[in-house]
């Protein structure tokens, strides 16, 4: 062995014995993971310690919700009792301005003092004034009616003395508005006959249907227009008020009684009611005890 080979052998031995630098993974070993049992506390403790029970309970709630979803009560128009009151007052012969100044204003001042009043609206027309009072939902409809009645009594002294009747009020519900409208048309029946058919046949059958609370009829009611001759009435010592009183007393609809049977009751309807213009010609309007006579339509005072 020569000197060169000896040097190479010593170099290899020294390289093996020389310490090598450590890698990043060796210098920074990963922390050892340990399974530490979780000890839950409070309401979540039992669910954390028992995961199987938690999953089963969750699935039970989901199944119960799906089973009862189709049985939930859903209504497009839920029955909500809103505290709404309508007040109406009639003053025959008064124009809308008079109704607003002499009727609506005194009542409105008293209504504004009612606690819990949210919205108030008024509408004055010929011979009629109507209020709509809407209260907060927390106010009972009974308490609202009591307060409205007290307000009307306070305003009575400021209303016209010749008012035929005091203002009246009714409890209303905005949800009671018509949800179905039915129109009747005919090429053979008159408007009055069509109105009677709607009132006596259609309305009664619709009213007995399940879920129907009220049926209102809008149309042409029977009426007789009288064109009086004031000069002819004056000759006979009559006025327009006498004429109106005579027509009312001569056309009062009165029942004739009823028959009570073993299983049914029959109501008697008299046929002597005047429903055509010709029947008014023989109607006695007034009697004059000084002249020992009577005034009829056919005498010329009423053409």
Protein backbone atom coordinates (compact mmCIF):
# COMPACT_ATOMS: atom_id res chain seq x y z
CA UNK A 1 0.00 0.00 0.00
CA UNK A 2 1.44 3.27 -1.02
CA UNK A 3 1.05 6.64 0.60
CA UNK A 4 -1.78 7.77 -1.72
CA UNK A 5 -3.94 4.83 -0.81
CA UNK A 6 -3.37 5.45 2.87
CA UNK A 7 -4.47 9.05 2.55
CA UNK A 8 -7.65 8.04 0.71
CA UNK A 9 -8.55 5.55 3.39
CA UNK A 10 -8.04 8.07 6.16
CA UNK A 11 -10.17 10.63 4.26
CA UNK A 12 -13.08 8.19 3.98
CA UNK A 13 -12.92 7.40 7.67
CA UNK A 14 -12.88 11.08 8.59
CA UNK A 15 -15.90 11.78 6.26
CA UNK A 16 -17.93 9.07 7.91
CA UNK A 17 -17.12 10.29 11.38
CA UNK A 18 -17.90 13.94 10.53
CA UNK A 19 -21.40 14.96 11.86
CA UNK A 20 -23.90 15.83 9.14
CA UNK A 21 -26.37 18.78 9.47
CA UNK A 22 -29.93 17.77 10.43
CA UNK A 23 -32.89 18.38 8.09
CA UNK A 24 -35.88 20.70 8.82
CA UNK A 25 -38.09 17.77 9.72
CA UNK A 26 -35.49 16.52 12.18
CA UNK A 27 -35.00 19.94 13.71
CA UNK A 28 -38.80 20.57 14.01
CA UNK A 29 -40.53 17.30 14.80
CA UNK A 30 -44.36 17.25 14.54
CA UNK A 31 -46.19 17.34 17.89
CA UNK A 32 -47.58 14.06 19.00
CA UNK A 33 -51.41 13.91 18.78
CA UNK A 34 -53.23 12.51 21.75
CA UNK A 35 -56.90 11.59 22.07
CA UNK A 36 -58.25 13.50 25.00
CA UNK A 37 -61.77 12.56 26.12
CA UNK A 38 -64.21 15.48 25.80
CA UNK A 39 -66.16 16.22 28.93
CA UNK A 40 -69.13 18.39 27.92
CA UNK A 41 -70.82 20.64 30.43
CA UNK A 42 -74.27 22.16 30.64
CA UNK A 43 -77.04 21.33 28.19
CA UNK A 44 -74.73 20.15 25.41
CA UNK A 45 -72.85 17.69 27.59
CA UNK A 46 -75.11 14.62 27.18
CA UNK A 47 -75.33 15.15 23.42
CA UNK A 48 -71.57 15.38 23.03
CA UNK A 49 -70.90 12.30 25.13
CA UNK A 50 -73.60 10.28 23.31
CA UNK A 51 -73.33 11.00 19.56
CA UNK A 52 -75.52 8.05 18.57
CA UNK A 53 -78.36 9.27 20.73
CA UNK A 54 -77.94 12.77 19.30
CA UNK A 55 -78.22 11.53 15.72
CA UNK A 56 -81.30 9.43 16.48
CA UNK A 57 -82.99 12.32 18.28
CA UNK A 58 -82.28 14.68 15.38
CA UNK A 59 -83.70 12.22 12.89
CA UNK A 60 -86.81 11.79 15.04
CA UNK A 61 -87.44 15.53 15.09
CA UNK A 62 -87.01 15.75 11.31
CA UNK A 63 -89.42 12.86 10.69
CA UNK A 64 -92.01 14.33 13.08
CA UNK A 65 -91.76 17.73 11.36
CA UNK A 66 -92.25 16.24 7.91
CA UNK A 67 -95.23 14.19 9.12
CA UNK A 68 -97.04 17.21 10.60
CA UNK A 69 -96.14 19.74 7.90
CA UNK A 70 -99.16 18.90 5.79
CA UNK A 71 -101.48 19.30 8.78
CA UNK A 72 -100.55 22.89 9.58
CA UNK A 73 -103.53 25.25 9.62
CA UNK A 74 -103.02 27.73 6.79
CA UNK A 75 -105.70 30.29 5.88
CA UNK A 76 -105.52 32.94 3.19
CA UNK A 77 -107.87 35.13 5.24
CA UNK A 78 -107.17 34.44 8.93
CA UNK A 79 -109.90 35.40 11.37
CA UNK A 80 -108.48 38.43 13.16
CA UNK A 81 -110.77 40.57 15.27
CA UNK A 82 -109.59 44.09 14.47
CA UNK A 83 -110.95 46.77 16.81
CA UNK A 84 -112.80 48.79 14.16
CA UNK A 85 -116.07 50.64 14.81
CA UNK A 86 -118.27 52.46 12.30
CA UNK A 87 -120.43 55.39 13.39
CA UNK A 88 -123.25 56.72 11.22
CA UNK A 89 -125.65 59.61 11.61
CA UNK A 90 -128.55 60.70 9.39
CA UNK A 91 -129.94 64.21 9.04
CA UNK A 92 -132.60 64.25 6.29
CA UNK A 93 -132.45 67.20 3.93
CA UNK A 94 -128.94 68.35 4.90
CA UNK A 95 -126.34 68.86 2.21
CA UNK A 96 -122.80 67.44 2.58
CA UNK A 97 -121.40 70.77 3.83
CA UNK A 98 -124.02 71.00 6.57
CA UNK A 99 -123.37 67.39 7.55
CA UNK A 100 -119.63 68.04 7.78
CA UNK A 101 -119.97 71.23 9.85
CA UNK A 102 -122.90 70.41 12.13
CA UNK A 103 -122.57 66.64 12.51
CA UNK A 104 -119.08 65.44 11.63
CA UNK A 105 -117.09 68.18 13.37
CA UNK A 106 -118.65 67.86 16.88
CA UNK A 107 -118.39 64.08 16.76
CA UNK A 108 -114.83 64.12 15.48
CA UNK A 109 -113.66 66.36 18.33
CA UNK A 110 -114.98 63.87 20.86
CA UNK A 111 -113.64 60.83 19.02
CA UNK A 112 -110.11 62.27 18.98
CA UNK A 113 -110.10 62.18 22.79
CA UNK A 114 -110.54 58.39 22.91
CA UNK A 115 -107.34 56.64 24.05
CA UNK A 116 -105.94 54.04 21.70
CA UNK A 117 -107.49 55.54 18.56
CA UNK A 118 -105.16 54.87 15.63
CA UNK A 119 -106.96 56.00 12.45
CA UNK A 120 -110.17 57.97 11.99
CA UNK A 121 -111.85 58.62 8.65
CA UNK A 122 -115.12 60.40 7.92
CA UNK A 123 -117.34 60.73 4.88
CA UNK A 124 -120.18 63.24 4.67
CA UNK A 125 -122.76 62.86 1.92
CA UNK A 126 -126.31 64.03 1.35
CA UNK A 127 -128.19 63.54 4.65
CA UNK A 128 -125.60 61.11 6.00
CA UNK A 129 -122.25 61.13 7.80
CA UNK A 130 -120.19 58.04 8.46
CA UNK A 131 -117.06 57.54 10.59
CA UNK A 132 -114.63 54.63 10.61
CA UNK A 133 -112.64 54.38 13.83
CA UNK A 134 -109.69 51.99 13.89
CA UNK A 135 -107.95 51.35 17.20
CA UNK A 136 -104.63 49.76 18.07
CA UNK A 137 -104.60 45.96 18.20
CA UNK A 138 -103.93 45.95 21.93
CA UNK A 139 -107.27 47.67 22.63
CA UNK A 140 -110.26 45.42 23.20
CA UNK A 141 -113.24 45.88 20.91
CA UNK A 142 -115.51 45.95 23.97
CA UNK A 143 -113.55 48.80 25.55
CA UNK A 144 -113.48 50.64 22.23
CA UNK A 145 -117.27 50.38 21.91
CA UNK A 146 -117.72 51.73 25.43
CA UNK A 147 -115.46 54.70 24.72
CA UNK A 148 -117.25 55.44 21.43
CA UNK A 149 -120.64 55.39 23.12
CA UNK A 150 -119.39 57.79 25.79
CA UNK A 151 -117.98 60.11 23.11
CA UNK A 152 -121.33 60.15 21.28
CA UNK A 153 -123.13 61.07 24.49
CA UNK A 154 -120.72 63.95 25.11
CA UNK A 155 -121.30 65.28 21.60
CA UNK A 156 -125.11 65.01 21.75
CA UNK A 157 -125.50 68.50 23.19
CA UNK A 158 -123.61 70.03 20.25
CA UNK A 159 -125.65 68.31 17.54
CA UNK A 160 -128.73 69.88 15.90
CA UNK A 161 -131.83 69.81 18.08
CA UNK A 162 -134.04 68.52 15.27
CA UNK A 163 -131.86 65.49 14.63
CA UNK A 164 -134.30 62.58 14.09
CA UNK A 165 -132.17 60.01 15.91
CA UNK A 166 -128.83 60.01 17.71
CA UNK A 167 -125.73 58.62 15.99
CA UNK A 168 -125.39 54.86 16.00
CA UNK A 169 -122.30 52.66 15.91
CA UNK A 170 -121.57 49.08 14.95
CA UNK A 171 -118.60 46.79 15.43
CA UNK A 172 -117.09 45.86 12.10
CA UNK A 173 -114.25 43.73 10.86
CA UNK A 174 -112.29 44.62 7.71
CA UNK A 175 -111.94 40.91 6.97
CA UNK A 176 -115.70 40.66 6.56
CA UNK A 177 -115.56 42.34 3.18
CA UNK A 178 -117.06 40.47 0.28
CA UNK A 179 -114.75 37.81 -1.10
CA UNK A 180 -117.10 36.59 -3.83
CA UNK A 181 -119.32 38.69 -6.07
CA UNK A 182 -122.16 37.17 -8.07
CA UNK A 183 -123.96 39.15 -10.76
CA UNK A 184 -127.41 38.39 -12.15
CA UNK A 185 -128.59 39.46 -15.61
CA UNK A 186 -131.82 38.79 -17.45
CA UNK A 187 -133.35 39.74 -20.79
CA UNK A 188 -136.91 38.96 -19.68
CA UNK A 189 -137.13 40.00 -16.02
CA UNK A 190 -137.32 43.59 -14.88
CA UNK A 191 -134.79 45.02 -12.46
CA UNK A 192 -137.28 44.75 -9.61
CA UNK A 193 -138.16 41.13 -10.41
CA UNK A 194 -134.47 40.30 -10.68
CA UNK A 195 -133.84 41.91 -7.30
CA UNK A 196 -136.66 39.90 -5.70
CA UNK A 197 -135.29 36.69 -7.20
CA UNK A 198 -131.82 37.45 -5.86
CA UNK A 199 -133.21 38.29 -2.43
CA UNK A 200 -135.67 35.44 -1.98
CA UNK A 201 -133.93 32.60 -3.83
CA UNK A 202 -130.24 33.13 -4.52
CA UNK A 203 -129.30 34.89 -1.28
CA UNK A 204 -131.06 32.33 0.92
CA UNK A 205 -129.36 29.39 -0.76
CA UNK A 206 -125.94 31.00 -0.68
CA UNK A 207 -126.36 31.94 2.97
CA UNK A 208 -126.69 28.30 4.07
CA UNK A 209 -123.41 27.25 2.46
CA UNK A 210 -120.63 26.27 4.90
CA UNK A 211 -118.33 29.15 5.74
CA UNK A 212 -120.68 31.92 4.54
CA UNK A 213 -121.24 34.48 7.30
CA UNK A 214 -123.22 37.17 5.50
CA UNK A 215 -124.82 37.84 2.13
CA UNK A 216 -125.40 41.40 0.93
CA UNK A 217 -127.61 42.28 -2.03
CA UNK A 218 -126.92 45.34 -4.12
CA UNK A 219 -129.30 46.34 -6.85
CA UNK A 220 -132.54 48.09 -7.64
CA UNK A 221 -135.19 47.94 -4.97
CA UNK A 222 -138.81 48.53 -5.73
CA UNK A 223 -139.85 52.16 -5.58
CA UNK A 224 -142.74 54.36 -6.69
CA UNK A 225 -142.03 57.93 -7.76
CA UNK A 226 -144.83 60.36 -7.06
CA UNK A 227 -145.04 63.62 -9.00
CA UNK A 228 -147.32 65.85 -6.96
CA UNK A 229 -149.09 69.06 -7.96
CA UNK A 230 -148.49 71.58 -5.14
CA UNK A 231 -151.33 73.85 -6.26
CA UNK A 232 -153.84 70.98 -6.28
CA UNK A 233 -152.69 69.96 -2.82
CA UNK A 234 -153.03 73.54 -1.56
CA UNK A 235 -156.63 73.74 -2.83
CA UNK A 236 -157.48 70.71 -0.70
CA UNK A 237 -155.61 72.07 2.31
CA UNK A 238 -152.82 69.51 2.12
CA UNK A 239 -149.06 69.80 2.23
CA UNK A 240 -146.25 67.62 0.96
CA UNK A 241 -145.81 66.22 4.47
CA UNK A 242 -149.46 65.16 4.51
CA UNK A 243 -148.94 63.43 1.19
CA UNK A 244 -145.85 61.58 2.42
CA UNK A 245 -147.61 60.51 5.62
CA UNK A 246 -150.61 59.25 3.67
CA UNK A 247 -148.47 57.18 1.33
CA UNK A 248 -146.52 55.66 4.22
CA UNK A 249 -149.63 54.76 6.21
CA UNK A 250 -151.31 53.26 3.16
CA UNK A 251 -148.40 51.08 2.10
CA UNK A 252 -147.27 49.61 5.40
CA UNK A 253 -146.39 45.95 5.04
CA UNK A 254 -147.93 43.99 7.89
CA UNK A 255 -147.94 40.28 8.48
CA UNK A 256 -151.18 38.31 8.54
CA UNK A 257 -150.09 35.68 11.03
CA UNK A 258 -149.21 32.04 10.66
CA UNK A 259 -150.63 28.54 10.85
CA UNK A 260 -148.92 26.14 13.21
CA UNK A 261 -149.20 22.56 12.04
CA UNK A 262 -148.06 19.31 13.57
CA UNK A 263 -144.80 19.31 11.66
CA UNK A 264 -144.66 22.58 9.73
CA UNK A 265 -145.51 26.23 10.21
CA UNK A 266 -147.05 28.25 7.37
CA UNK A 267 -146.58 32.02 7.30
CA UNK A 268 -149.43 34.01 5.78
CA UNK A 269 -148.44 36.69 3.31
CA UNK A 270 -151.23 39.12 2.39
CA UNK A 271 -151.73 39.89 -1.30
CA UNK A 272 -153.18 43.34 -0.71
CA UNK A 273 -149.85 45.14 -0.75
CA UNK A 274 -149.44 47.79 -3.44
CA UNK A 275 -146.58 46.92 -5.75
CA UNK A 276 -147.65 48.67 -8.97
CA UNK A 277 -148.32 52.31 -9.82
CA UNK A 278 -151.98 51.63 -10.73
CA UNK A 279 -152.71 50.53 -7.18
CA UNK A 280 -151.94 53.98 -5.80
CA UNK A 281 -154.79 55.69 -7.66
CA UNK A 282 -157.37 54.52 -5.14
CA UNK A 283 -155.14 55.19 -2.16
CA UNK A 284 -156.63 57.65 0.32
CA UNK A 285 -154.00 60.25 1.04
CA UNK A 286 -155.82 62.26 3.73
CA UNK A 287 -159.25 62.88 5.16
CA UNK A 288 -160.69 66.30 5.82
CA UNK A 289 -163.19 66.19 8.66
CA UNK A 290 -164.43 69.73 7.86
CA UNK A 291 -165.34 68.80 4.29
CA UNK A 292 -166.43 65.24 5.16
CA UNK A 293 -164.41 63.84 2.33
CA UNK A 294 -161.11 62.31 1.36
CA UNK A 295 -158.38 62.95 -1.18
CA UNK A 296 -157.25 60.23 -3.53
CA UNK A 297 -154.57 60.00 -6.18
CA UNK A 298 -157.18 59.93 -8.92
CA UNK A 299 -158.58 63.36 -8.01
CA UNK A 300 -155.90 65.16 -9.97
CA UNK A 301 -153.60 66.29 -7.20
CA UNK A 302 -151.36 63.42 -8.19
CA UNK A 303 -151.19 62.73 -11.96
